[in-house]
N, C-alpha and C. Protein backbone atom coordinates (compact mmCIF):
# COMPACT_ATOMS: atom_id res chain seq x y z
N MET A 1 21.52 21.07 0.08
CA MET A 1 21.94 19.95 -0.74
C MET A 1 22.39 19.29 -0.38
N ILE A 2 22.09 17.88 -0.43
CA ILE A 2 22.96 16.45 0.07
C ILE A 2 24.12 16.52 -0.65
N GLN A 3 25.04 16.12 0.24
CA GLN A 3 26.24 15.91 -0.25
C GLN A 3 26.83 14.69 0.09
N SER A 4 27.25 13.74 -0.51
CA SER A 4 27.67 12.65 -0.66
C SER A 4 29.55 12.56 -0.74
N VAL A 5 29.84 12.36 0.33
CA VAL A 5 31.41 12.53 0.12
C VAL A 5 32.28 11.28 0.57
N ALA A 6 31.53 10.37 0.89
CA ALA A 6 32.14 9.12 1.46
C ALA A 6 32.64 8.06 0.09
N PRO A 7 33.84 7.67 0.28
CA PRO A 7 34.49 7.17 -0.65
C PRO A 7 33.71 5.90 -0.83
N SER A 8 33.84 5.17 -2.17
CA SER A 8 33.17 3.92 -2.16
C SER A 8 34.09 2.94 -1.88
N MET A 9 33.58 1.67 -1.08
CA MET A 9 34.29 0.86 -0.51
C MET A 9 35.22 0.11 -1.62
N THR A 10 34.58 -0.16 -2.67
CA THR A 10 35.30 -1.05 -3.48
C THR A 10 36.47 -0.36 -4.64
N SER A 11 35.81 1.04 -4.98
CA SER A 11 36.72 1.59 -6.17
C SER A 11 37.72 2.61 -5.19
N GLY A 12 37.20 3.16 -4.23
CA GLY A 12 38.07 4.18 -3.31
C GLY A 12 37.84 5.42 -4.10
N SER A 13 36.54 5.65 -4.78
CA SER A 13 36.41 6.86 -5.41
C SER A 13 35.29 7.66 -4.68
N PHE A 14 35.05 8.79 -4.77
CA PHE A 14 34.10 9.60 -4.39
C PHE A 14 32.77 9.57 -5.27
N SER A 15 31.62 9.55 -4.40
CA SER A 15 30.07 9.56 -5.55
C SER A 15 29.98 11.11 -5.69
N ALA A 16 29.14 11.49 -6.65
CA ALA A 16 28.58 12.59 -7.08
C ALA A 16 27.87 13.15 -5.98
N PRO A 17 27.71 14.36 -5.57
CA PRO A 17 26.81 15.18 -5.02
C PRO A 17 25.25 14.81 -5.50
N ILE A 18 24.33 14.66 -4.76
CA ILE A 18 22.91 14.71 -5.26
C ILE A 18 22.15 15.90 -4.75
N SER A 19 21.55 16.22 -5.57
CA SER A 19 20.53 17.48 -5.01
C SER A 19 19.46 17.27 -4.72
N ASP A 20 18.95 18.05 -3.85
CA ASP A 20 17.47 17.61 -3.33
C ASP A 20 16.70 17.78 -4.28
N GLU A 21 16.53 18.49 -5.34
CA GLU A 21 15.55 18.51 -6.77
C GLU A 21 15.83 16.56 -7.27
N VAL A 22 16.79 16.36 -6.89
CA VAL A 22 16.93 15.13 -8.17
C VAL A 22 16.31 14.05 -7.04
N ALA A 23 16.57 14.16 -5.57
CA ALA A 23 16.19 13.28 -4.55
C ALA A 23 14.63 13.30 -4.63
N PHE A 24 14.18 14.57 -4.86
CA PHE A 24 12.93 14.59 -4.69
C PHE A 24 11.85 14.14 -5.71
N ARG A 25 12.66 14.42 -7.20
CA ARG A 25 11.81 13.42 -8.58
C ARG A 25 12.40 12.23 -8.22
N THR A 26 12.95 11.72 -7.96
CA THR A 26 13.09 10.03 -7.67
C THR A 26 11.91 9.64 -6.89
N TRP A 27 12.14 10.33 -5.78
CA TRP A 27 10.95 10.02 -4.71
C TRP A 27 9.68 10.04 -5.28
N MET A 28 9.41 11.03 -6.01
CA MET A 28 7.95 11.22 -6.76
C MET A 28 7.54 10.04 -7.82
N SER A 29 8.61 9.85 -8.38
CA SER A 29 8.74 8.83 -9.46
C SER A 29 8.45 7.47 -8.92
N ARG A 30 8.96 7.21 -7.75
CA ARG A 30 8.72 5.77 -7.18
C ARG A 30 7.40 5.80 -6.68
N ARG A 31 6.71 7.26 -5.52
CA ARG A 31 5.31 7.05 -5.33
C ARG A 31 4.30 7.29 -6.53
N ASP A 32 4.77 7.66 -7.58
CA ASP A 32 3.73 7.58 -8.51
C ASP A 32 3.68 6.25 -9.22
N ALA A 33 4.54 5.50 -9.24
CA ALA A 33 4.47 4.17 -9.85
C ALA A 33 3.98 3.37 -8.80
N ALA A 34 4.03 3.64 -7.26
CA ALA A 34 3.22 2.38 -6.44
C ALA A 34 1.76 3.04 -6.69
N ARG A 35 1.42 4.00 -6.58
CA ARG A 35 0.31 4.39 -6.98
C ARG A 35 -0.53 3.57 -7.92
N GLN A 36 0.23 4.00 -9.01
CA GLN A 36 -0.36 3.04 -10.20
C GLN A 36 -0.52 1.48 -10.15
N GLN A 37 0.43 1.00 -9.09
CA GLN A 37 0.18 -0.59 -8.80
C GLN A 37 -1.00 -0.67 -8.13
N ILE A 38 -1.15 0.13 -6.83
CA ILE A 38 -2.03 0.08 -5.86
C ILE A 38 -3.58 0.45 -6.46
N ARG A 39 -3.71 1.09 -7.69
CA ARG A 39 -4.96 1.07 -8.57
C ARG A 39 -5.45 0.01 -9.07
N ARG A 40 -4.46 -1.09 -9.57
CA ARG A 40 -5.01 -2.23 -9.90
C ARG A 40 -5.63 -3.35 -9.09
N LEU A 41 -5.74 -2.75 -7.69
CA LEU A 41 -6.20 -4.08 -6.83
C LEU A 41 -7.96 -3.46 -6.64
N SER A 42 -8.53 -4.74 -6.38
CA SER A 42 -9.88 -4.60 -6.11
C SER A 42 -10.07 -3.86 -4.80
N ARG A 43 -11.22 -3.54 -4.45
CA ARG A 43 -11.78 -2.86 -3.00
C ARG A 43 -10.93 -4.28 -1.98
N ARG A 44 -11.48 -4.98 -2.03
CA ARG A 44 -11.13 -6.11 -0.77
C ARG A 44 -9.54 -6.35 -1.00
N GLU A 45 -8.97 -6.42 -2.05
CA GLU A 45 -7.65 -6.78 -1.99
C GLU A 45 -6.79 -5.60 -1.53
N LEU A 46 -7.44 -4.31 -1.48
CA LEU A 46 -6.88 -2.94 -1.06
C LEU A 46 -6.93 -3.29 0.35
N GLN A 47 -7.98 -3.24 1.04
CA GLN A 47 -8.51 -3.42 2.69
C GLN A 47 -7.30 -4.40 2.96
N VAL A 48 -7.04 -5.77 2.54
CA VAL A 48 -5.86 -6.76 2.95
C VAL A 48 -4.82 -6.21 2.93
N VAL A 49 -4.66 -5.46 1.89
CA VAL A 49 -3.18 -4.93 2.03
C VAL A 49 -2.67 -3.99 2.98
N GLN A 50 -3.78 -3.06 3.17
CA GLN A 50 -3.54 -2.19 4.21
C GLN A 50 -3.61 -3.03 5.56
N LEU A 51 -4.28 -3.84 5.79
CA LEU A 51 -4.22 -4.57 6.99
C LEU A 51 -3.08 -5.18 7.19
N VAL A 52 -2.40 -5.74 6.22
CA VAL A 52 -1.03 -6.57 6.20
C VAL A 52 -0.04 -5.36 6.66
N SER A 53 -0.05 -4.17 6.21
CA SER A 53 0.90 -2.92 6.06
C SER A 53 0.87 -2.65 7.50
N ASN A 54 -0.37 -2.80 8.11
CA ASN A 54 -0.68 -2.63 9.64
C ASN A 54 0.19 -3.24 10.52
N GLY A 55 0.51 -4.54 10.03
CA GLY A 55 1.05 -5.29 11.04
C GLY A 55 0.09 -6.97 11.23
N LEU A 56 -0.99 -6.63 10.66
CA LEU A 56 -2.18 -7.95 11.11
C LEU A 56 -1.69 -9.12 10.45
N ALA A 57 -1.85 -10.03 11.25
CA ALA A 57 -1.88 -11.49 10.72
C ALA A 57 -3.22 -11.92 9.73
N ASN A 58 -2.67 -12.91 8.87
CA ASN A 58 -4.02 -13.28 8.16
C ASN A 58 -5.37 -13.71 9.16
N LYS A 59 -5.08 -14.36 10.10
CA LYS A 59 -6.25 -14.71 10.99
C LYS A 59 -6.89 -13.40 11.73
N SER A 60 -6.03 -12.33 12.04
CA SER A 60 -6.73 -11.29 12.46
C SER A 60 -7.51 -10.41 11.42
N ILE A 61 -7.04 -10.62 10.20
CA ILE A 61 -7.52 -9.70 8.97
C ILE A 61 -8.81 -10.43 8.58
N ALA A 62 -9.09 -11.77 8.74
CA ALA A 62 -10.01 -12.69 8.46
C ALA A 62 -11.28 -12.11 9.63
N GLN A 63 -10.78 -12.08 10.97
CA GLN A 63 -11.65 -11.70 11.88
C GLN A 63 -12.01 -10.05 11.68
N GLU A 64 -11.32 -9.37 11.33
CA GLU A 64 -11.74 -7.82 11.12
C GLU A 64 -12.63 -8.22 10.10
N LEU A 65 -12.54 -8.46 8.76
CA LEU A 65 -13.20 -8.59 7.43
C LEU A 65 -14.42 -9.45 7.66
N GLN A 66 -14.53 -10.13 8.76
CA GLN A 66 -15.44 -11.02 9.04
C GLN A 66 -15.56 -12.34 7.74
N ILE A 67 -14.39 -12.53 7.28
CA ILE A 67 -14.49 -13.72 6.21
C ILE A 67 -13.23 -14.55 6.40
N SER A 68 -13.08 -15.50 5.73
CA SER A 68 -12.16 -16.73 6.36
C SER A 68 -11.07 -16.45 5.86
N VAL A 69 -9.79 -17.13 6.69
CA VAL A 69 -8.74 -17.23 6.54
C VAL A 69 -8.06 -17.43 5.09
N LYS A 70 -8.62 -18.72 4.64
CA LYS A 70 -8.63 -18.94 3.04
C LYS A 70 -8.69 -17.48 2.12
N THR A 71 -9.92 -17.16 2.30
CA THR A 71 -10.30 -16.03 1.25
C THR A 71 -9.33 -14.57 1.75
N ILE A 72 -8.88 -14.56 2.90
CA ILE A 72 -7.77 -13.58 2.95
C ILE A 72 -6.35 -14.11 2.13
N GLU A 73 -6.03 -15.13 2.40
CA GLU A 73 -4.80 -16.02 1.45
C GLU A 73 -5.33 -15.57 0.12
N LYS A 74 -6.24 -15.74 -0.15
CA LYS A 74 -6.44 -15.68 -1.91
C LYS A 74 -6.17 -14.03 -2.39
N HIS A 75 -7.02 -13.22 -1.42
CA HIS A 75 -6.86 -11.94 -1.73
C HIS A 75 -5.22 -11.29 -1.59
N ARG A 76 -4.66 -12.01 -0.57
CA ARG A 76 -3.25 -11.67 -0.58
C ARG A 76 -2.42 -11.94 -1.54
N ALA A 77 -2.51 -13.34 -2.00
CA ALA A 77 -1.89 -13.60 -3.44
C ALA A 77 -2.33 -13.25 -4.50
N ASN A 78 -3.63 -12.89 -4.49
CA ASN A 78 -3.84 -11.94 -5.86
C ASN A 78 -3.22 -10.24 -5.75
N ALA A 79 -3.38 -9.73 -4.88
CA ALA A 79 -2.47 -8.70 -4.81
C ALA A 79 -1.22 -8.43 -4.74
N ALA A 80 -0.34 -9.45 -4.42
CA ALA A 80 1.22 -9.58 -4.23
C ALA A 80 0.94 -9.87 -6.11
N ARG A 81 0.32 -10.80 -6.99
CA ARG A 81 0.50 -10.95 -7.98
C ARG A 81 0.18 -9.40 -8.90
N LYS A 82 -0.58 -9.00 -8.44
CA LYS A 82 -1.16 -7.66 -9.32
C LYS A 82 -0.22 -6.41 -9.22
N LEU A 83 0.49 -6.57 -7.88
CA LEU A 83 1.63 -5.42 -7.35
C LEU A 83 2.83 -6.02 -7.74
N GLY A 84 3.29 -7.20 -8.53
CA GLY A 84 4.44 -7.67 -8.77
C GLY A 84 5.46 -7.72 -7.37
N VAL A 85 5.12 -8.39 -6.70
CA VAL A 85 5.85 -8.47 -5.56
C VAL A 85 6.16 -9.90 -4.91
N ASN A 86 6.98 -10.63 -4.14
CA ASN A 86 7.23 -11.91 -3.84
C ASN A 86 7.25 -11.64 -2.38
N SER A 87 7.23 -10.59 -1.51
CA SER A 87 7.40 -10.97 -0.32
C SER A 87 6.45 -9.43 0.72
N THR A 88 6.03 -10.25 1.74
CA THR A 88 5.13 -9.07 2.45
C THR A 88 6.07 -7.74 2.51
N ALA A 89 7.34 -7.73 2.84
CA ALA A 89 8.11 -6.59 3.16
C ALA A 89 7.83 -5.75 1.84
N GLU A 90 7.55 -6.32 0.31
CA GLU A 90 8.03 -5.52 -0.79
C GLU A 90 6.14 -5.00 -0.99
N MET A 91 5.11 -5.73 -0.57
CA MET A 91 3.90 -5.17 -0.31
C MET A 91 3.75 -4.19 0.74
N VAL A 92 4.42 -3.92 1.76
CA VAL A 92 4.52 -3.16 2.43
C VAL A 92 5.10 -1.57 2.26
N ARG A 93 6.52 -2.02 1.57
CA ARG A 93 6.87 -0.92 0.89
C ARG A 93 6.21 -0.05 -0.08
N ILE A 94 5.32 -0.57 -1.13
CA ILE A 94 4.52 -0.12 -2.04
C ILE A 94 3.47 0.46 -1.48
N SER A 95 2.88 0.00 0.01
CA SER A 95 1.92 0.34 0.51
C SER A 95 1.93 1.87 0.68
N VAL A 96 3.25 1.74 1.80
CA VAL A 96 4.06 3.15 2.19
C VAL A 96 4.16 4.05 1.29
N LEU A 97 4.45 3.79 0.17
CA LEU A 97 5.07 5.08 -0.85
C LEU A 97 3.80 5.23 -1.32
N ALA A 98 2.51 4.69 -1.66
CA ALA A 98 1.23 5.08 -2.30
C ALA A 98 0.48 5.65 -1.52
N ASP A 99 0.90 5.81 -0.20
CA ASP A 99 -0.07 6.07 0.97
C ASP A 99 -1.04 6.94 0.96
N GLN A 100 -1.17 8.24 0.21
CA GLN A 100 -2.13 9.12 -0.09
C GLN A 100 -3.33 8.46 -0.49
N GLU A 101 -2.62 7.73 -1.90
CA GLU A 101 -3.87 7.02 -2.78
C GLU A 101 -4.50 5.96 -1.97
N LEU A 102 -3.99 5.09 -1.18
CA LEU A 102 -4.89 4.21 -0.33
C LEU A 102 -5.59 4.98 0.46
N GLN A 103 -5.27 5.81 1.32
CA GLN A 103 -6.43 6.62 2.29
C GLN A 103 -7.34 7.20 1.33
N GLU A 104 -7.23 7.37 0.15
CA GLU A 104 -8.43 8.42 -0.66
C GLU A 104 -9.33 6.85 -1.06
N ARG A 105 -8.32 5.91 -1.74
CA ARG A 105 -9.35 4.65 -2.05
C ARG A 105 -10.15 3.74 -0.76
N ASN A 106 -9.62 3.83 0.27
CA ASN A 106 -9.81 3.11 1.29
C ASN A 106 -11.29 4.08 1.92
N ARG A 107 -11.02 5.26 1.92
CA ARG A 107 -11.87 6.07 2.20
C ARG A 107 -13.44 5.75 1.75
N PHE A 108 -13.61 5.55 0.25
CA PHE A 108 -14.59 4.83 -0.53
C PHE A 108 -14.92 3.52 -0.09
N ALA A 109 -13.84 2.65 -0.33
CA ALA A 109 -14.03 1.10 -0.19
C ALA A 109 -14.60 0.88 1.54
N ASN A 110 -14.74 1.70 2.26
CA ASN A 110 -15.20 1.22 3.69
C ASN A 110 -16.62 1.71 3.40
N GLN A 111 -16.91 2.78 2.66
CA GLN A 111 -18.58 2.81 2.65
C GLN A 111 -19.33 1.69 2.27
N THR A 112 -20.60 1.50 2.59
CA THR A 112 -21.70 0.23 2.51
C THR A 112 -22.18 0.68 1.40
N TYR A 113 -22.75 -0.55 0.66
CA TYR A 113 -23.37 -0.27 -0.48
C TYR A 113 -24.81 -0.17 -0.08
N PHE A 114 -25.16 -0.42 0.84
CA PHE A 114 -26.72 -0.31 1.48
C PHE A 114 -26.19 0.58 2.78
N GLU A 115 -27.59 1.33 2.83
CA GLU A 115 -27.83 1.88 3.97
C GLU A 115 -28.54 1.10 5.00
N PRO A 116 -27.86 1.82 6.40
CA PRO A 116 -28.14 0.96 7.49
C PRO A 116 -29.75 0.83 7.65
N ALA A 117 -30.44 -0.33 8.13
CA ALA A 117 -31.69 -0.48 8.46
C ALA A 117 -32.45 0.92 9.33
N GLU A 118 -31.72 1.48 10.38
CA GLU A 118 -31.98 2.54 10.89
C GLU A 118 -32.25 3.69 10.15
N SER A 119 -31.63 4.11 9.06
CA SER A 119 -31.99 5.30 8.22
C SER A 119 -33.10 5.07 7.39
N LEU A 120 -33.42 3.51 7.58
CA LEU A 120 -34.90 3.49 6.46
C LEU A 120 -36.02 3.63 6.90
N ILE A 121 -35.72 3.93 8.27
CA ILE A 121 -37.24 3.52 9.28
C ILE A 121 -37.20 5.36 9.31
N SER A 122 -38.29 5.88 8.80
CA SER A 122 -38.96 7.18 8.95
C SER A 122 -39.85 7.21 10.33
N GLU A 123 -39.71 8.53 10.74
CA GLU A 123 -40.88 8.83 11.81
C GLU A 123 -41.81 9.64 11.35
N ASN A 124 -42.67 8.99 11.08
CA ASN A 124 -43.96 9.46 10.96
C ASN A 124 -45.08 9.80 11.99
């Protein structure tokens, strides 16, 4: 059990102990809320959020995804609006909390819609 025994600086009182179960439930609730928010993003917005969370700048993301910096800025702004955040730090926080959801969605997001030309060539 996690025990908090430090007195509050303002009131001089002691805070109540928090159980592991309460802490875990709180974390689960936050994680579920973050995953719900992440589900609102389009495939491309999700990719941009992940790359921002990995520390890439807009220009680097644009090169990685082979699209313009302006398009990255638009995807980033749309993602921030859908996530209800006002800063990169908040966007990264949600991304980290929803990590498993991001990994699962990104696995599908990175699949191409078309088969590579090599797979279309059959050996006869």
